């Protein structure tokens, strides 16, 4: 391979990675508003970018979808009044990011999927595994209050 072809190959591989980032969301053990009668629970809190974002209006996947990865035409900016940002849409947390498909049907990178699966099967029956999803673009104190509310609802 010549040095001149290397940038084209890297560009192709980058585009292939971006195209496959859409990943089909798969619901796991429980929704974030899960309330249970169990003795204890394991709450999985994903990191930055660890939650898919969907449109509030129709629950359509926005982050990360094929069109968002390839074109990036939809802004992920928070719709904050008086800042003058245009083209923002109301998004809300979807499912936890379980995997990223690099080459669809052939290769994917596990993110939180195997963790949720292992916790679910290695756990005794008195514990639920609850993925806590949040909007990672916003104020983390909002997420902290949501996590606090979830913990309190599980204690009741």
N, C-alpha and C. Protein backbone atom coordinates (compact mmCIF):
# COMPACT_ATOMS: atom_id res chain seq x y z
N UNK A 1 0.85 -1.17 0.00
CA UNK A 1 0.00 0.00 0.00
C UNK A 1 0.90 1.23 0.00
N UNK A 2 0.59 2.15 -0.86
CA UNK A 2 1.39 3.36 -0.93
C UNK A 2 0.93 4.35 0.13
N UNK A 3 1.79 5.27 0.46
CA UNK A 3 1.48 6.28 1.46
C UNK A 3 0.33 7.17 1.00
N UNK A 4 0.21 7.36 -0.30
CA UNK A 4 -0.86 8.20 -0.84
C UNK A 4 -2.24 7.58 -0.62
N UNK A 5 -2.33 6.26 -0.56
CA UNK A 5 -3.62 5.58 -0.37
C UNK A 5 -4.01 5.50 1.10
N UNK A 6 -3.06 5.70 2.01
CA UNK A 6 -3.34 5.59 3.44
C UNK A 6 -4.42 6.56 3.91
N UNK A 7 -4.39 7.86 3.54
CA UNK A 7 -5.47 8.75 3.98
C UNK A 7 -6.85 8.31 3.49
N UNK A 8 -6.92 7.77 2.28
CA UNK A 8 -8.21 7.29 1.76
C UNK A 8 -8.71 6.11 2.57
N UNK A 9 -7.81 5.20 2.92
CA UNK A 9 -8.19 4.05 3.73
C UNK A 9 -8.66 4.50 5.11
N UNK A 10 -7.93 5.42 5.72
CA UNK A 10 -8.33 5.92 7.03
C UNK A 10 -9.68 6.63 6.97
N UNK A 11 -9.90 7.37 5.91
CA UNK A 11 -11.18 8.06 5.74
C UNK A 11 -12.32 7.04 5.59
N UNK A 12 -12.08 5.99 4.79
CA UNK A 12 -13.08 4.94 4.60
C UNK A 12 -13.39 4.24 5.92
N UNK A 13 -12.35 3.88 6.69
CA UNK A 13 -12.56 3.19 7.96
C UNK A 13 -13.28 4.10 8.96
N UNK A 14 -12.95 5.38 8.94
CA UNK A 14 -13.64 6.32 9.83
C UNK A 14 -15.11 6.42 9.48
N UNK A 15 -15.41 6.51 8.20
CA UNK A 15 -16.81 6.59 7.77
C UNK A 15 -17.56 5.31 8.12
N UNK A 16 -16.89 4.16 7.98
CA UNK A 16 -17.51 2.89 8.32
C UNK A 16 -17.85 2.85 9.81
N UNK A 17 -16.94 3.33 10.64
CA UNK A 17 -17.18 3.38 12.08
C UNK A 17 -18.35 4.30 12.39
N UNK A 18 -18.35 5.47 11.80
CA UNK A 18 -19.41 6.44 12.06
C UNK A 18 -20.76 5.91 11.60
N UNK A 19 -20.81 5.25 10.45
CA UNK A 19 -22.07 4.72 9.93
C UNK A 19 -22.67 3.68 10.87
N UNK A 20 -21.82 2.94 11.52
CA UNK A 20 -22.32 1.85 12.35
C UNK A 20 -22.63 2.27 13.77
N UNK A 21 -22.39 3.52 14.11
CA UNK A 21 -22.64 3.98 15.47
C UNK A 21 -24.12 4.05 15.82
N UNK A 22 -24.97 3.79 14.86
CA UNK A 22 -26.40 3.91 15.14
C UNK A 22 -26.85 2.90 16.18
N UNK A 23 -26.37 1.68 16.13
CA UNK A 23 -26.73 0.67 17.11
C UNK A 23 -28.22 0.63 17.40
N UNK A 24 -28.82 -0.50 17.36
CA UNK A 24 -30.24 -0.61 17.67
C UNK A 24 -30.40 -0.68 19.18
N UNK A 25 -31.16 0.23 19.76
CA UNK A 25 -31.33 0.18 21.21
C UNK A 25 -32.10 -1.08 21.61
N UNK A 26 -31.60 -1.71 22.65
CA UNK A 26 -32.27 -2.90 23.17
C UNK A 26 -32.61 -2.65 24.63
N UNK A 27 -33.88 -2.76 24.97
CA UNK A 27 -34.22 -2.56 26.37
C UNK A 27 -33.60 -3.67 27.21
N UNK A 28 -33.11 -3.30 28.37
CA UNK A 28 -32.52 -4.28 29.27
C UNK A 28 -33.43 -4.52 30.45
N UNK A 29 -32.87 -4.75 31.58
CA UNK A 29 -33.59 -5.26 32.72
C UNK A 29 -34.77 -4.40 33.15
N UNK A 30 -34.60 -3.07 33.23
CA UNK A 30 -35.69 -2.23 33.72
C UNK A 30 -35.55 -0.81 33.22
N UNK A 31 -36.64 -0.09 33.25
CA UNK A 31 -36.62 1.32 32.87
C UNK A 31 -36.14 2.16 34.04
N UNK A 32 -35.68 3.41 33.79
CA UNK A 32 -35.18 4.25 34.86
C UNK A 32 -36.21 4.56 35.94
N UNK A 33 -37.48 4.52 35.64
CA UNK A 33 -38.50 4.82 36.64
C UNK A 33 -39.03 3.55 37.31
N UNK A 34 -38.22 2.51 37.31
CA UNK A 34 -38.59 1.21 37.84
C UNK A 34 -38.80 1.27 39.36
N UNK A 35 -39.87 0.69 39.83
CA UNK A 35 -40.12 0.60 41.27
C UNK A 35 -40.34 -0.88 41.58
N UNK A 36 -39.68 -1.37 42.64
CA UNK A 36 -39.70 -2.79 42.90
C UNK A 36 -39.87 -3.06 44.40
N UNK A 37 -40.24 -4.29 44.73
CA UNK A 37 -40.38 -4.71 46.12
C UNK A 37 -39.19 -5.55 46.56
N UNK A 38 -38.02 -5.33 46.04
CA UNK A 38 -36.87 -6.15 46.36
C UNK A 38 -36.12 -5.58 47.56
N UNK A 39 -35.27 -6.43 48.16
CA UNK A 39 -34.47 -6.00 49.30
C UNK A 39 -33.42 -4.97 48.89
N UNK A 40 -32.79 -5.19 47.77
CA UNK A 40 -31.76 -4.27 47.30
C UNK A 40 -31.72 -4.31 45.78
N UNK A 41 -31.03 -3.33 45.22
CA UNK A 41 -30.93 -3.24 43.77
C UNK A 41 -29.54 -2.76 43.39
N UNK A 42 -29.15 -3.06 42.17
CA UNK A 42 -27.91 -2.55 41.61
C UNK A 42 -28.30 -1.52 40.57
N UNK A 43 -27.84 -0.29 40.75
CA UNK A 43 -28.15 0.78 39.81
C UNK A 43 -26.90 1.05 38.98
N UNK A 44 -27.02 0.92 37.67
CA UNK A 44 -25.90 1.16 36.76
C UNK A 44 -26.04 2.58 36.20
N UNK A 45 -25.04 3.42 36.50
CA UNK A 45 -25.03 4.81 36.03
C UNK A 45 -23.97 4.93 34.95
N UNK A 46 -24.39 5.13 33.69
CA UNK A 46 -23.40 5.24 32.61
C UNK A 46 -22.65 6.56 32.66
N UNK A 47 -21.51 6.60 32.01
CA UNK A 47 -20.72 7.82 31.94
C UNK A 47 -21.18 8.74 30.83
N UNK A 48 -20.36 9.73 30.54
CA UNK A 48 -20.65 10.72 29.51
C UNK A 48 -20.85 10.02 28.18
N UNK A 49 -21.86 10.37 27.43
CA UNK A 49 -22.28 9.75 26.17
C UNK A 49 -22.83 8.34 26.36
N UNK A 50 -23.06 7.89 27.58
CA UNK A 50 -23.49 6.52 27.82
C UNK A 50 -24.98 6.28 27.70
N UNK A 51 -25.74 7.34 27.40
CA UNK A 51 -27.19 7.22 27.23
C UNK A 51 -27.56 7.68 25.83
N UNK A 52 -28.38 6.90 25.16
CA UNK A 52 -28.90 7.35 23.86
C UNK A 52 -29.88 8.49 24.09
N UNK A 53 -29.95 9.41 23.14
CA UNK A 53 -30.89 10.52 23.23
C UNK A 53 -31.95 10.37 22.15
N UNK A 54 -33.21 10.55 22.53
CA UNK A 54 -34.33 10.42 21.60
C UNK A 54 -35.15 11.72 21.62
N UNK A 55 -35.86 11.96 20.51
CA UNK A 55 -36.75 13.13 20.44
C UNK A 55 -37.89 12.96 21.43
N UNK A 56 -38.22 14.03 22.11
CA UNK A 56 -39.36 13.97 23.03
C UNK A 56 -40.66 13.72 22.28
N UNK A 57 -40.80 14.33 21.11
CA UNK A 57 -42.06 14.27 20.37
C UNK A 57 -42.42 12.86 19.91
N UNK A 58 -41.45 12.13 19.34
CA UNK A 58 -41.77 10.83 18.74
C UNK A 58 -40.86 9.68 19.19
N UNK A 59 -39.99 9.93 20.16
CA UNK A 59 -39.05 8.92 20.70
C UNK A 59 -38.11 8.37 19.63
N UNK A 60 -37.91 9.11 18.53
CA UNK A 60 -36.99 8.68 17.47
C UNK A 60 -35.55 8.91 17.92
N UNK A 61 -34.69 7.93 17.67
CA UNK A 61 -33.29 8.00 18.08
C UNK A 61 -32.58 9.14 17.36
N UNK A 62 -31.88 9.97 18.12
CA UNK A 62 -31.09 11.05 17.54
C UNK A 62 -29.62 10.80 17.80
N UNK A 63 -29.24 10.47 19.04
CA UNK A 63 -27.84 10.19 19.36
C UNK A 63 -27.73 8.74 19.78
N UNK A 64 -27.00 7.99 19.12
CA UNK A 64 -26.30 8.32 17.93
C UNK A 64 -26.94 7.53 16.81
N UNK A 65 -27.41 8.23 15.79
CA UNK A 65 -28.06 7.59 14.65
C UNK A 65 -27.14 7.70 13.44
N UNK A 66 -27.45 6.96 12.39
CA UNK A 66 -26.62 6.99 11.18
C UNK A 66 -26.57 8.40 10.61
N UNK A 67 -27.72 9.07 10.52
CA UNK A 67 -27.73 10.42 9.94
C UNK A 67 -26.95 11.39 10.82
N UNK A 68 -27.04 11.24 12.13
CA UNK A 68 -26.28 12.12 13.03
C UNK A 68 -24.79 11.87 12.89
N UNK A 69 -24.40 10.61 12.76
CA UNK A 69 -22.98 10.28 12.64
C UNK A 69 -22.41 10.73 11.30
N UNK A 70 -23.15 10.54 10.22
CA UNK A 70 -22.65 10.87 8.89
C UNK A 70 -22.74 12.35 8.57
N UNK A 71 -23.88 12.94 8.81
CA UNK A 71 -24.11 14.33 8.39
C UNK A 71 -23.97 15.30 9.54
N UNK A 72 -24.34 14.88 10.72
CA UNK A 72 -24.29 15.76 11.86
C UNK A 72 -25.15 17.00 11.68
N UNK A 73 -26.26 16.86 10.93
CA UNK A 73 -27.08 18.02 10.61
C UNK A 73 -28.01 18.42 11.75
N UNK A 74 -28.21 17.55 12.72
CA UNK A 74 -29.07 17.88 13.85
C UNK A 74 -28.22 18.28 15.05
N UNK A 75 -28.45 19.46 15.55
CA UNK A 75 -27.70 19.97 16.70
C UNK A 75 -28.10 19.21 17.96
N UNK A 76 -27.12 18.89 18.79
CA UNK A 76 -27.39 18.28 20.08
C UNK A 76 -27.39 19.33 21.19
N UNK A 77 -27.35 20.60 20.81
CA UNK A 77 -27.32 21.69 21.77
C UNK A 77 -28.60 21.70 22.60
N UNK A 78 -28.43 21.93 23.89
CA UNK A 78 -29.60 22.04 24.76
C UNK A 78 -30.42 23.27 24.38
N UNK A 79 -31.73 23.14 24.32
CA UNK A 79 -32.58 24.30 23.99
C UNK A 79 -32.73 25.23 25.20
N UNK A 80 -31.74 26.10 25.40
CA UNK A 80 -31.75 27.04 26.52
C UNK A 80 -32.27 28.38 26.03
N UNK A 81 -33.34 28.88 26.64
CA UNK A 81 -33.91 30.16 26.20
C UNK A 81 -32.90 31.30 26.31
N UNK A 82 -33.04 32.27 25.44
CA UNK A 82 -32.26 33.51 25.45
C UNK A 82 -30.78 33.36 25.11
N UNK A 83 -30.34 32.20 24.67
CA UNK A 83 -28.94 32.06 24.24
C UNK A 83 -28.79 32.22 22.74
N UNK A 84 -29.90 32.20 22.03
CA UNK A 84 -29.85 32.45 20.59
C UNK A 84 -29.49 31.26 19.73
N UNK A 85 -29.48 30.05 20.29
CA UNK A 85 -29.19 28.87 19.48
C UNK A 85 -30.42 28.53 18.65
N UNK A 86 -30.19 28.26 17.38
CA UNK A 86 -31.30 27.91 16.49
C UNK A 86 -31.20 26.43 16.11
N UNK A 87 -32.32 25.85 15.78
CA UNK A 87 -32.34 24.47 15.31
C UNK A 87 -32.23 23.44 16.41
N UNK A 88 -32.43 23.84 17.65
CA UNK A 88 -32.37 22.86 18.74
C UNK A 88 -33.70 22.12 18.82
N UNK A 89 -33.65 20.90 19.30
CA UNK A 89 -34.87 20.12 19.50
C UNK A 89 -34.86 19.59 20.93
N UNK A 90 -36.05 19.29 21.43
CA UNK A 90 -36.16 18.73 22.77
C UNK A 90 -35.82 17.24 22.71
N UNK A 91 -34.78 16.87 23.45
CA UNK A 91 -34.35 15.48 23.53
C UNK A 91 -34.51 15.00 24.96
N UNK A 92 -34.64 13.70 25.10
CA UNK A 92 -34.69 13.09 26.42
C UNK A 92 -33.88 11.81 26.40
N UNK A 93 -33.49 11.33 27.58
CA UNK A 93 -32.72 10.09 27.63
C UNK A 93 -33.52 8.91 27.10
N UNK A 94 -32.85 8.06 26.33
CA UNK A 94 -33.44 6.81 25.86
C UNK A 94 -32.88 5.67 26.68
N UNK A 95 -32.47 4.62 26.01
CA UNK A 95 -31.87 3.46 26.68
C UNK A 95 -30.39 3.71 26.94
N UNK A 96 -29.84 2.88 27.80
CA UNK A 96 -28.40 2.91 28.05
C UNK A 96 -27.70 2.40 26.79
N UNK A 97 -26.52 2.92 26.49
CA UNK A 97 -25.78 2.53 25.30
C UNK A 97 -25.16 1.15 25.55
N UNK A 98 -25.78 0.12 24.99
CA UNK A 98 -25.31 -1.24 25.23
C UNK A 98 -24.14 -1.62 24.34
N UNK A 99 -24.18 -1.20 23.07
CA UNK A 99 -23.09 -1.52 22.14
C UNK A 99 -23.03 -0.49 21.02
N UNK A 100 -21.89 -0.44 20.36
CA UNK A 100 -21.70 0.39 19.18
C UNK A 100 -21.34 -0.55 18.05
N UNK A 101 -22.15 -0.55 17.01
CA UNK A 101 -21.88 -1.43 15.87
C UNK A 101 -20.89 -0.76 14.94
N UNK A 102 -19.71 -1.36 14.81
CA UNK A 102 -18.65 -0.81 13.96
C UNK A 102 -18.87 -1.26 12.53
N UNK A 103 -19.03 -2.55 12.34
CA UNK A 103 -19.38 -3.12 11.03
C UNK A 103 -20.66 -3.91 11.26
N UNK A 104 -21.81 -3.36 10.84
CA UNK A 104 -23.08 -4.02 11.13
C UNK A 104 -23.08 -5.51 10.76
N UNK A 105 -23.60 -6.30 11.67
CA UNK A 105 -23.71 -7.76 11.57
C UNK A 105 -22.38 -8.49 11.72
N UNK A 106 -21.25 -7.77 11.75
CA UNK A 106 -19.96 -8.45 11.84
C UNK A 106 -19.16 -8.06 13.09
N UNK A 107 -19.17 -6.80 13.44
CA UNK A 107 -18.31 -6.36 14.54
C UNK A 107 -18.95 -5.22 15.30
N UNK A 108 -19.04 -5.39 16.60
CA UNK A 108 -19.56 -4.32 17.45
C UNK A 108 -18.69 -4.23 18.70
N UNK A 109 -18.72 -3.05 19.30
CA UNK A 109 -17.96 -2.82 20.52
C UNK A 109 -18.95 -2.75 21.67
N UNK A 110 -18.73 -3.59 22.65
CA UNK A 110 -19.60 -3.61 23.82
C UNK A 110 -19.35 -2.35 24.65
N UNK A 111 -20.41 -1.73 25.10
CA UNK A 111 -20.28 -0.57 25.97
C UNK A 111 -20.79 -0.97 27.36
N UNK A 112 -22.09 -1.06 27.54
CA UNK A 112 -22.66 -1.46 28.83
C UNK A 112 -23.49 -2.75 28.74
N UNK A 113 -23.65 -3.29 27.56
CA UNK A 113 -24.49 -4.47 27.37
C UNK A 113 -24.07 -5.67 28.18
N UNK A 114 -22.80 -6.05 28.09
CA UNK A 114 -22.36 -7.24 28.81
C UNK A 114 -22.36 -7.02 30.32
N UNK A 115 -22.10 -5.80 30.76
CA UNK A 115 -22.17 -5.51 32.20
C UNK A 115 -23.58 -5.74 32.71
N UNK A 116 -24.57 -5.20 32.01
CA UNK A 116 -25.96 -5.39 32.42
C UNK A 116 -26.36 -6.86 32.39
N UNK A 117 -25.94 -7.56 31.34
CA UNK A 117 -26.27 -8.98 31.22
C UNK A 117 -25.63 -9.79 32.34
N UNK A 118 -24.36 -9.54 32.62
CA UNK A 118 -23.66 -10.30 33.68
C UNK A 118 -24.24 -10.02 35.05
N UNK A 119 -24.51 -8.76 35.31
CA UNK A 119 -25.12 -8.43 36.61
C UNK A 119 -26.48 -9.10 36.75
N UNK A 120 -27.21 -9.18 35.66
CA UNK A 120 -28.53 -9.80 35.70
C UNK A 120 -28.49 -11.29 35.97
N UNK A 121 -27.53 -12.01 35.40
CA UNK A 121 -27.48 -13.46 35.58
C UNK A 121 -26.68 -13.88 36.81
N UNK A 122 -25.71 -13.08 37.23
CA UNK A 122 -24.90 -13.47 38.38
C UNK A 122 -25.53 -13.04 39.69
N UNK A 123 -26.59 -12.32 39.59
CA UNK A 123 -27.28 -11.77 40.73
C UNK A 123 -28.23 -12.80 41.33
N UNK A 124 -28.48 -12.69 42.65
CA UNK A 124 -29.54 -13.55 43.18
C UNK A 124 -30.88 -12.92 42.86
N UNK A 125 -31.95 -13.63 43.10
CA UNK A 125 -33.26 -13.16 42.65
C UNK A 125 -33.81 -12.01 43.49
N UNK A 126 -33.16 -11.65 44.59
CA UNK A 126 -33.69 -10.56 45.41
C UNK A 126 -33.17 -9.19 44.97
N UNK A 127 -32.43 -9.12 43.90
CA UNK A 127 -31.90 -7.84 43.42
C UNK A 127 -32.29 -7.59 41.97
N UNK A 128 -32.66 -6.37 41.69
CA UNK A 128 -32.90 -5.94 40.32
C UNK A 128 -31.69 -5.16 39.84
N UNK A 129 -31.41 -5.24 38.55
CA UNK A 129 -30.38 -4.41 37.93
C UNK A 129 -31.12 -3.31 37.18
N UNK A 130 -30.87 -2.07 37.58
CA UNK A 130 -31.62 -0.94 37.05
C UNK A 130 -30.67 0.03 36.35
N UNK A 131 -30.75 0.15 35.02
CA UNK A 131 -29.95 1.16 34.33
C UNK A 131 -30.56 2.55 34.57
N UNK A 132 -29.74 3.48 35.05
CA UNK A 132 -30.20 4.85 35.27
C UNK A 132 -29.69 5.70 34.11
N UNK A 133 -30.60 6.15 33.26
CA UNK A 133 -30.21 6.96 32.11
C UNK A 133 -30.50 8.42 32.40
N UNK A 134 -29.69 9.29 31.81
CA UNK A 134 -29.84 10.73 32.03
C UNK A 134 -29.33 11.47 30.80
N UNK A 135 -29.69 12.74 30.70
CA UNK A 135 -29.24 13.59 29.60
C UNK A 135 -27.87 14.13 29.95
N UNK A 136 -26.84 13.55 29.37
CA UNK A 136 -25.45 13.89 29.69
C UNK A 136 -25.05 15.27 29.19
N UNK A 137 -25.89 15.93 28.41
CA UNK A 137 -25.58 17.28 27.92
C UNK A 137 -25.88 18.34 28.97
N UNK A 138 -26.72 18.03 29.91
CA UNK A 138 -27.22 19.03 30.85
C UNK A 138 -26.47 19.08 32.16
N UNK A 139 -27.05 19.79 33.09
CA UNK A 139 -26.51 19.98 34.42
C UNK A 139 -26.52 18.63 35.15
N UNK A 140 -25.38 18.21 35.65
CA UNK A 140 -25.31 16.91 36.33
C UNK A 140 -26.10 16.90 37.64
N UNK A 141 -26.35 18.06 38.22
CA UNK A 141 -27.15 18.10 39.44
C UNK A 141 -28.59 17.66 39.17
N UNK A 142 -29.08 17.88 37.96
CA UNK A 142 -30.41 17.38 37.59
C UNK A 142 -30.38 15.85 37.60
N UNK A 143 -29.31 15.26 37.06
CA UNK A 143 -29.17 13.80 37.07
C UNK A 143 -29.02 13.28 38.49
N UNK A 144 -28.28 13.99 39.32
CA UNK A 144 -28.11 13.58 40.72
C UNK A 144 -29.46 13.58 41.44
N UNK A 145 -30.26 14.60 41.21
CA UNK A 145 -31.60 14.64 41.83
C UNK A 145 -32.47 13.49 41.31
N UNK A 146 -32.35 13.16 40.03
CA UNK A 146 -33.09 12.03 39.48
C UNK A 146 -32.66 10.71 40.09
N UNK A 147 -31.35 10.55 40.27
CA UNK A 147 -30.82 9.34 40.90
C UNK A 147 -31.28 9.26 42.35
N UNK A 148 -31.26 10.38 43.05
CA UNK A 148 -31.74 10.43 44.43
C UNK A 148 -33.21 10.02 44.50
N UNK A 149 -34.02 10.52 43.57
CA UNK A 149 -35.45 10.17 43.55
C UNK A 149 -35.64 8.68 43.28
N UNK A 150 -34.83 8.12 42.38
CA UNK A 150 -34.91 6.69 42.10
C UNK A 150 -34.57 5.87 43.34
N UNK A 151 -33.50 6.24 44.02
CA UNK A 151 -33.09 5.51 45.23
C UNK A 151 -34.18 5.60 46.30
N UNK A 152 -34.73 6.78 46.48
CA UNK A 152 -35.80 6.96 47.48
C UNK A 152 -37.04 6.13 47.12
N UNK A 153 -37.37 6.06 45.82
CA UNK A 153 -38.54 5.26 45.42
C UNK A 153 -38.30 3.78 45.66
N UNK A 154 -37.05 3.35 45.54
CA UNK A 154 -36.73 1.94 45.81
C UNK A 154 -36.76 1.63 47.30
N UNK A 155 -36.48 2.63 48.13
CA UNK A 155 -36.48 2.42 49.58
C UNK A 155 -37.89 2.34 50.15
N UNK A 156 -38.83 2.94 49.47
CA UNK A 156 -40.23 2.96 49.97
C UNK A 156 -40.90 1.63 49.83
